[in-house]
């Protein structure tokens, strides 16, 4: 898995990546009450807002960690947004993206680097 500084994770699955938010992010947000997903076929650029999560605390963007095409979205989240809280790094995934620039993956952190990054946030 790879991680972004904005607390998204990516997991490779064949020629695409599954994207979601980290446990750290869902914990910081609190109880998720609504998720707005990108459209299948959308072209994302790394760093652009790709989805929105609303919690009891605030609304936050989920950013595209890499550029690419959205191949699928997790429609289950529209009716069961709590999955983001209960299984953020498994069943609470947001979308699948096929990368258009695989070199962007080099800018992301591995799990050890992400854990050190989060610890540094205090």
Protein backbone atom coordinates (compact mmCIF):
# COMPACT_ATOMS: atom_id res chain seq x y z
CA UNK A 1 0.00 0.00 0.00
CA UNK A 2 0.96 3.63 -0.56
CA UNK A 3 -0.17 6.68 1.39
CA UNK A 4 -0.52 10.41 0.73
CA UNK A 5 0.10 13.34 3.08
CA UNK A 6 -3.63 14.06 2.78
CA UNK A 7 -4.34 10.65 4.41
CA UNK A 8 -5.50 8.68 1.39
CA UNK A 9 -4.32 5.12 0.80
CA UNK A 10 -3.85 3.23 -2.45
CA UNK A 11 -3.73 -0.52 -2.84
CA UNK A 12 -2.71 -2.11 -6.16
CA UNK A 13 -5.23 -4.46 -7.78
CA UNK A 14 -3.98 -5.57 -11.18
CA UNK A 15 -3.73 -2.53 -13.48
CA UNK A 16 -5.66 -0.18 -11.17
CA UNK A 17 -5.54 1.05 -7.56
CA UNK A 18 -8.19 1.00 -4.86
CA UNK A 19 -8.35 4.36 -3.03
CA UNK A 20 -9.73 5.22 0.39
CA UNK A 21 -8.95 7.25 3.48
CA UNK A 22 -6.77 6.05 6.32
CA UNK A 23 -7.84 5.06 9.79
CA UNK A 24 -6.10 8.21 11.05
CA UNK A 25 -8.29 10.35 8.74
CA UNK A 26 -11.59 8.70 9.65
CA UNK A 27 -10.73 9.00 13.34
CA UNK A 28 -9.96 12.72 12.94
CA UNK A 29 -13.22 13.28 11.05
CA UNK A 30 -15.46 11.49 13.53
CA UNK A 31 -18.70 9.79 12.56
CA UNK A 32 -19.12 9.89 8.77
CA UNK A 33 -22.71 10.73 7.78
CA UNK A 34 -22.43 11.25 4.01
CA UNK A 35 -20.06 10.40 1.17
CA UNK A 36 -20.06 11.97 -2.31
CA UNK A 37 -18.14 9.81 -4.79
CA UNK A 38 -16.59 10.73 -8.13
CA UNK A 39 -18.30 9.69 -11.36
CA UNK A 40 -17.11 6.56 -13.13
CA UNK A 41 -15.08 7.71 -16.11
CA UNK A 42 -13.96 10.94 -14.43
CA UNK A 43 -10.39 11.99 -15.21
CA UNK A 44 -8.59 12.93 -12.00
CA UNK A 45 -5.37 14.86 -11.54
CA UNK A 46 -3.15 14.17 -8.54
CA UNK A 47 -4.07 16.56 -5.75
CA UNK A 48 -7.53 17.42 -7.08
CA UNK A 49 -10.63 16.86 -4.98
CA UNK A 50 -12.09 13.49 -5.98
CA UNK A 51 -14.74 12.84 -3.33
CA UNK A 52 -16.30 14.51 -0.30
CA UNK A 53 -16.94 13.09 3.15
CA UNK A 54 -19.22 14.77 5.64
CA UNK A 55 -18.97 13.95 9.30
CA UNK A 56 -20.62 15.25 12.42
CA UNK A 57 -17.59 17.56 12.72
CA UNK A 58 -17.00 18.87 9.17
CA UNK A 59 -17.02 18.24 5.44
CA UNK A 60 -13.69 17.31 3.90
CA UNK A 61 -12.36 16.60 0.44
CA UNK A 62 -10.80 13.29 -0.46
CA UNK A 63 -7.99 14.07 -2.88
CA UNK A 64 -6.81 12.04 -5.84
CA UNK A 65 -3.44 10.68 -4.74
CA UNK A 66 -2.52 9.98 -8.38
CA UNK A 67 -3.80 11.08 -11.79
CA UNK A 68 -6.00 8.68 -13.70
CA UNK A 69 -9.44 7.48 -14.72
CA UNK A 70 -12.09 6.41 -12.20
CA UNK A 71 -13.04 2.83 -13.10
CA UNK A 72 -15.49 2.09 -10.28
CA UNK A 73 -16.93 3.59 -7.10
CA UNK A 74 -18.07 1.98 -3.87
CA UNK A 75 -21.83 2.60 -4.17
CA UNK A 76 -22.35 0.92 -0.80
CA UNK A 77 -21.03 4.09 0.85
CA UNK A 78 -24.01 6.12 -0.37
CA UNK A 79 -26.35 4.08 1.82
CA UNK A 80 -23.84 2.95 4.47
CA UNK A 81 -21.31 5.75 4.95
CA UNK A 82 -20.45 4.33 8.39
CA UNK A 83 -18.27 1.76 6.58
CA UNK A 84 -15.68 4.51 6.27
CA UNK A 85 -15.48 4.53 10.08
CA UNK A 86 -15.71 0.79 10.72
CA UNK A 87 -13.50 -0.45 7.84
CA UNK A 88 -11.63 2.54 6.37
CA UNK A 89 -8.83 0.51 4.81
CA UNK A 90 -10.95 -2.40 3.52
CA UNK A 91 -14.72 -2.32 2.83
CA UNK A 92 -14.86 1.48 3.21
CA UNK A 93 -12.87 2.12 0.01
CA UNK A 94 -13.98 5.03 -2.20
CA UNK A 95 -12.99 4.36 -5.82
CA UNK A 96 -10.77 2.48 -8.26
CA UNK A 97 -8.39 4.53 -10.41
CA UNK A 98 -6.35 3.48 -13.42
CA UNK A 99 -3.18 5.59 -13.28
CA UNK A 100 -2.29 7.79 -16.23
CA UNK A 101 1.15 8.60 -14.82
CA UNK A 102 2.48 5.67 -12.74
CA UNK A 103 5.61 7.69 -11.86
CA UNK A 104 3.42 9.71 -9.46
CA UNK A 105 3.39 6.67 -7.16
CA UNK A 106 7.03 7.41 -6.35
CA UNK A 107 5.96 10.58 -4.50
CA UNK A 108 3.75 8.61 -2.09
CA UNK A 109 4.78 7.06 1.22
CA UNK A 110 5.02 3.42 2.18
CA UNK A 111 3.36 2.29 5.42
CA UNK A 112 6.43 2.90 7.63
CA UNK A 113 6.91 6.42 6.25
CA UNK A 114 3.19 7.20 6.68
CA UNK A 115 3.21 6.03 10.30
CA UNK A 116 6.24 8.26 10.99
CA UNK A 117 4.46 11.16 9.23
CA UNK A 118 1.33 10.72 11.39
CA UNK A 119 3.38 10.50 14.59
CA UNK A 120 5.04 13.75 13.61
CA UNK A 121 1.64 15.48 13.49
CA UNK A 122 1.46 15.29 17.28
